[in-house]
Structures are given as structure tokens and as C-alpha cells.
N, C-alpha and C. Protein backbone atom coordinates (compact mmCIF):
# COMPACT_ATOMS: atom_id res chain seq x y z
N MET A 1 5.08 12.09 -8.90
CA MET A 1 5.62 10.76 -9.07
C MET A 1 4.68 9.75 -8.42
N LYS A 2 4.37 8.69 -9.15
CA LYS A 2 3.49 7.64 -8.64
C LYS A 2 4.24 6.31 -8.65
N LEU A 3 4.01 5.52 -7.62
CA LEU A 3 4.59 4.19 -7.53
C LEU A 3 3.46 3.16 -7.52
N LYS A 4 3.78 1.94 -7.92
CA LYS A 4 2.78 0.89 -8.00
C LYS A 4 3.35 -0.40 -7.42
N LEU A 5 2.54 -1.10 -6.63
CA LEU A 5 2.93 -2.38 -6.05
C LEU A 5 1.81 -3.39 -6.29
N ASP A 6 2.13 -4.44 -7.02
CA ASP A 6 1.17 -5.51 -7.30
C ASP A 6 1.53 -6.71 -6.42
N LEU A 7 0.62 -7.12 -5.57
CA LEU A 7 0.88 -8.21 -4.62
C LEU A 7 0.41 -9.57 -5.12
N HIS A 8 -0.02 -9.68 -6.36
CA HIS A 8 -0.52 -10.96 -6.88
C HIS A 8 0.53 -12.08 -6.79
N ASP A 9 1.77 -11.76 -7.08
CA ASP A 9 2.80 -12.80 -7.12
C ASP A 9 3.20 -13.33 -5.74
N ILE A 10 2.98 -12.53 -4.69
CA ILE A 10 3.44 -12.94 -3.35
C ILE A 10 2.28 -13.05 -2.36
N TYR A 11 1.08 -13.27 -2.85
CA TYR A 11 -0.12 -13.24 -2.02
C TYR A 11 -0.08 -14.22 -0.84
N ASN A 12 0.69 -15.29 -0.94
CA ASN A 12 0.68 -16.32 0.11
C ASN A 12 1.95 -16.31 0.96
N ASN A 13 2.75 -15.26 0.89
CA ASN A 13 3.99 -15.17 1.66
C ASN A 13 3.95 -13.93 2.54
N SER A 14 3.56 -14.10 3.79
CA SER A 14 3.33 -12.98 4.70
C SER A 14 4.57 -12.10 4.89
N ARG A 15 5.72 -12.71 5.09
CA ARG A 15 6.95 -11.94 5.27
C ARG A 15 7.29 -11.12 4.04
N GLU A 16 7.13 -11.73 2.88
CA GLU A 16 7.43 -11.04 1.61
C GLU A 16 6.47 -9.87 1.39
N ILE A 17 5.22 -10.05 1.77
CA ILE A 17 4.23 -8.98 1.65
C ILE A 17 4.62 -7.80 2.54
N ASP A 18 4.95 -8.08 3.79
CA ASP A 18 5.36 -7.01 4.72
C ASP A 18 6.60 -6.29 4.20
N ARG A 19 7.56 -7.05 3.69
CA ARG A 19 8.79 -6.45 3.18
C ARG A 19 8.50 -5.57 1.97
N ALA A 20 7.66 -6.06 1.05
CA ALA A 20 7.32 -5.29 -0.14
C ALA A 20 6.58 -4.00 0.22
N LEU A 21 5.65 -4.09 1.17
CA LEU A 21 4.92 -2.90 1.60
C LEU A 21 5.86 -1.88 2.26
N ARG A 22 6.72 -2.37 3.14
CA ARG A 22 7.68 -1.48 3.81
C ARG A 22 8.61 -0.83 2.78
N ASP A 23 9.08 -1.61 1.82
CA ASP A 23 9.99 -1.09 0.79
C ASP A 23 9.32 -0.01 -0.06
N ILE A 24 8.07 -0.24 -0.46
CA ILE A 24 7.40 0.73 -1.33
C ILE A 24 7.11 2.03 -0.58
N ILE A 25 6.77 1.94 0.70
CA ILE A 25 6.53 3.15 1.50
C ILE A 25 7.83 3.91 1.70
N GLN A 26 8.92 3.19 2.00
CA GLN A 26 10.22 3.85 2.17
C GLN A 26 10.67 4.51 0.87
N GLU A 27 10.45 3.84 -0.26
CA GLU A 27 10.81 4.41 -1.56
C GLU A 27 9.99 5.67 -1.84
N ALA A 28 8.70 5.64 -1.50
CA ALA A 28 7.84 6.81 -1.71
C ALA A 28 8.33 7.99 -0.88
N VAL A 29 8.73 7.73 0.35
CA VAL A 29 9.25 8.79 1.21
C VAL A 29 10.57 9.31 0.66
N ARG A 30 11.42 8.40 0.21
CA ARG A 30 12.74 8.79 -0.29
C ARG A 30 12.65 9.69 -1.51
N ILE A 31 11.77 9.36 -2.45
CA ILE A 31 11.68 10.16 -3.67
C ILE A 31 10.55 11.19 -3.62
N LYS A 32 9.89 11.27 -2.46
CA LYS A 32 8.77 12.19 -2.27
C LYS A 32 7.66 11.98 -3.31
N ALA A 33 7.26 10.74 -3.44
CA ALA A 33 6.16 10.39 -4.35
C ALA A 33 4.85 10.96 -3.82
N THR A 34 3.93 11.26 -4.71
CA THR A 34 2.64 11.79 -4.29
C THR A 34 1.62 10.68 -4.06
N GLN A 35 1.83 9.53 -4.71
CA GLN A 35 0.84 8.47 -4.63
C GLN A 35 1.49 7.10 -4.80
N VAL A 36 0.98 6.13 -4.04
CA VAL A 36 1.37 4.73 -4.21
C VAL A 36 0.09 3.95 -4.46
N GLU A 37 0.08 3.19 -5.54
CA GLU A 37 -1.06 2.32 -5.85
C GLU A 37 -0.68 0.91 -5.41
N ILE A 38 -1.49 0.33 -4.53
CA ILE A 38 -1.26 -1.03 -4.04
C ILE A 38 -2.39 -1.90 -4.56
N ILE A 39 -2.02 -3.01 -5.21
CA ILE A 39 -3.02 -3.91 -5.79
C ILE A 39 -2.97 -5.25 -5.06
N PRO A 40 -3.84 -5.41 -4.04
CA PRO A 40 -3.90 -6.71 -3.37
C PRO A 40 -4.76 -7.70 -4.16
N GLY A 41 -5.54 -7.23 -5.10
CA GLY A 41 -6.43 -8.09 -5.87
C GLY A 41 -7.78 -8.23 -5.19
N LYS A 42 -8.71 -8.83 -5.89
CA LYS A 42 -10.07 -8.93 -5.36
C LYS A 42 -10.18 -10.10 -4.39
N GLY A 43 -10.15 -11.29 -4.85
CA GLY A 43 -10.16 -12.48 -3.99
C GLY A 43 -11.16 -12.42 -2.85
N SER A 44 -10.79 -12.99 -1.72
CA SER A 44 -11.67 -13.03 -0.55
C SER A 44 -11.57 -11.77 0.29
N GLY A 45 -10.59 -10.94 0.02
CA GLY A 45 -10.44 -9.69 0.77
C GLY A 45 -9.45 -9.78 1.92
N GLN A 46 -8.90 -10.98 2.18
CA GLN A 46 -7.98 -11.14 3.29
C GLN A 46 -6.67 -10.38 3.07
N LEU A 47 -6.16 -10.39 1.86
CA LEU A 47 -4.91 -9.68 1.57
C LEU A 47 -5.11 -8.17 1.70
N LYS A 48 -6.25 -7.68 1.25
CA LYS A 48 -6.55 -6.25 1.38
C LYS A 48 -6.62 -5.87 2.85
N LYS A 49 -7.23 -6.72 3.67
CA LYS A 49 -7.30 -6.45 5.11
C LYS A 49 -5.91 -6.43 5.73
N LYS A 50 -5.04 -7.33 5.28
CA LYS A 50 -3.66 -7.37 5.78
C LYS A 50 -2.93 -6.08 5.42
N VAL A 51 -3.12 -5.61 4.18
CA VAL A 51 -2.49 -4.37 3.72
C VAL A 51 -2.99 -3.20 4.56
N LEU A 52 -4.29 -3.13 4.80
CA LEU A 52 -4.86 -2.04 5.59
C LEU A 52 -4.36 -2.08 7.03
N ARG A 53 -4.20 -3.28 7.61
CA ARG A 53 -3.63 -3.39 8.96
C ARG A 53 -2.19 -2.89 8.98
N PHE A 54 -1.43 -3.25 7.93
CA PHE A 54 -0.05 -2.78 7.83
C PHE A 54 -0.02 -1.25 7.78
N LEU A 55 -0.85 -0.66 6.94
CA LEU A 55 -0.87 0.79 6.78
C LEU A 55 -1.38 1.50 8.02
N ASP A 56 -2.10 0.80 8.87
CA ASP A 56 -2.67 1.40 10.08
C ASP A 56 -1.69 1.40 11.25
N GLN A 57 -0.52 0.79 11.09
CA GLN A 57 0.48 0.81 12.15
C GLN A 57 0.92 2.25 12.41
N LYS A 58 1.15 2.57 13.66
CA LYS A 58 1.46 3.94 14.06
C LYS A 58 2.64 4.53 13.29
N GLU A 59 3.74 3.79 13.18
CA GLU A 59 4.94 4.34 12.52
C GLU A 59 4.77 4.48 11.01
N ILE A 60 3.92 3.66 10.42
CA ILE A 60 3.64 3.76 8.98
C ILE A 60 2.63 4.87 8.72
N LYS A 61 1.61 4.93 9.55
CA LYS A 61 0.56 5.93 9.39
C LYS A 61 1.11 7.36 9.44
N ALA A 62 2.19 7.56 10.18
CA ALA A 62 2.80 8.89 10.30
C ALA A 62 3.45 9.34 9.00
N LEU A 63 3.69 8.42 8.07
CA LEU A 63 4.41 8.74 6.85
C LEU A 63 3.51 9.22 5.70
N TYR A 64 2.24 8.84 5.71
CA TYR A 64 1.37 9.19 4.58
C TYR A 64 0.23 10.10 5.03
N HIS A 65 -0.44 10.70 4.03
CA HIS A 65 -1.51 11.65 4.29
C HIS A 65 -2.88 10.96 4.42
N ARG A 66 -3.22 10.12 3.43
CA ARG A 66 -4.52 9.44 3.47
C ARG A 66 -4.51 8.21 2.56
N ILE A 67 -5.56 7.38 2.73
CA ILE A 67 -5.75 6.18 1.92
C ILE A 67 -7.13 6.28 1.26
N ASP A 68 -7.18 5.91 -0.02
CA ASP A 68 -8.47 5.81 -0.72
C ASP A 68 -8.61 4.39 -1.25
N LYS A 69 -9.81 3.86 -1.14
CA LYS A 69 -10.13 2.59 -1.76
C LYS A 69 -10.79 2.92 -3.09
N ASP A 70 -10.33 2.29 -4.14
CA ASP A 70 -10.87 2.56 -5.48
C ASP A 70 -12.35 2.17 -5.52
N ALA A 71 -13.20 3.12 -5.86
CA ALA A 71 -14.65 2.89 -5.89
C ALA A 71 -15.05 1.95 -7.01
N LYS A 72 -14.31 1.95 -8.10
CA LYS A 72 -14.67 1.12 -9.26
C LYS A 72 -14.03 -0.26 -9.23
N ASN A 73 -12.95 -0.40 -8.46
CA ASN A 73 -12.22 -1.67 -8.42
C ASN A 73 -11.81 -1.93 -6.98
N HIS A 74 -12.54 -2.80 -6.27
CA HIS A 74 -12.26 -2.99 -4.85
C HIS A 74 -10.96 -3.77 -4.59
N GLY A 75 -10.24 -4.13 -5.62
CA GLY A 75 -8.95 -4.80 -5.48
C GLY A 75 -7.77 -3.85 -5.58
N ARG A 76 -8.02 -2.56 -5.30
CA ARG A 76 -6.96 -1.57 -5.47
C ARG A 76 -7.08 -0.49 -4.39
N LEU A 77 -5.93 -0.10 -3.84
CA LEU A 77 -5.85 0.96 -2.83
C LEU A 77 -4.90 2.05 -3.30
N PHE A 78 -5.17 3.27 -2.90
CA PHE A 78 -4.27 4.38 -3.20
C PHE A 78 -3.82 4.99 -1.88
N VAL A 79 -2.52 5.18 -1.72
CA VAL A 79 -1.95 5.82 -0.55
C VAL A 79 -1.39 7.15 -1.03
N TYR A 80 -1.86 8.23 -0.44
CA TYR A 80 -1.43 9.57 -0.84
C TYR A 80 -0.48 10.17 0.18
N PHE A 81 0.53 10.85 -0.34
CA PHE A 81 1.51 11.52 0.49
C PHE A 81 1.42 13.01 0.25
N GLN A 82 1.70 13.79 1.28
CA GLN A 82 1.65 15.24 1.16
C GLN A 82 2.98 15.78 1.66
N TRP A 83 3.67 16.48 0.81
CA TRP A 83 4.99 17.01 1.16
C TRP A 83 4.92 18.53 1.26
N LYS A 84 5.62 19.08 2.23
CA LYS A 84 5.61 20.54 2.42
C LYS A 84 6.82 21.19 1.82
């Protein structure tokens, strides 16, 4: 199961971004998704940095296995989960 989150519509609302990220991670854990695709977009890179800081929080980092940055499209991140 894969989930997708596009942040283009809420790029300028910090609270909404945090809520959307938290919701998608919780949903991935709930349904045991294998991958979440997060699209912060290309732009200046500030939104991508914000997403990476969010994912680097201790309590969030404990929930996922790894993060990959798309080599072909720098406006996209993949968060992978590993379930036992």
C-alpha cells in the first residue's frame, strides 16, 4: 500500500503542513503502508527542508525505516516503512 501527500496547496501554511505530515504518517502506520510519497515541489527548497526537519524528529523517525530523495525529481521524497 502506498500513500501520497502533495503539499502544493498548503505550501504557505506552516500549521497545516505539520498537520498534513503528521496525519499521513499516522495513516501509514495505521494501515501498515510500505511507502509514503511526499511532494513538497521544487521551488527554493525551503518546504523540502521543513519536511525533512519534521521527519527527523525523534518520535517521527522511530515510525519509519528510511527516506529516499527522488534522483530524477528533486521535488519529491519517499518515506519507507518496514513491518515485521
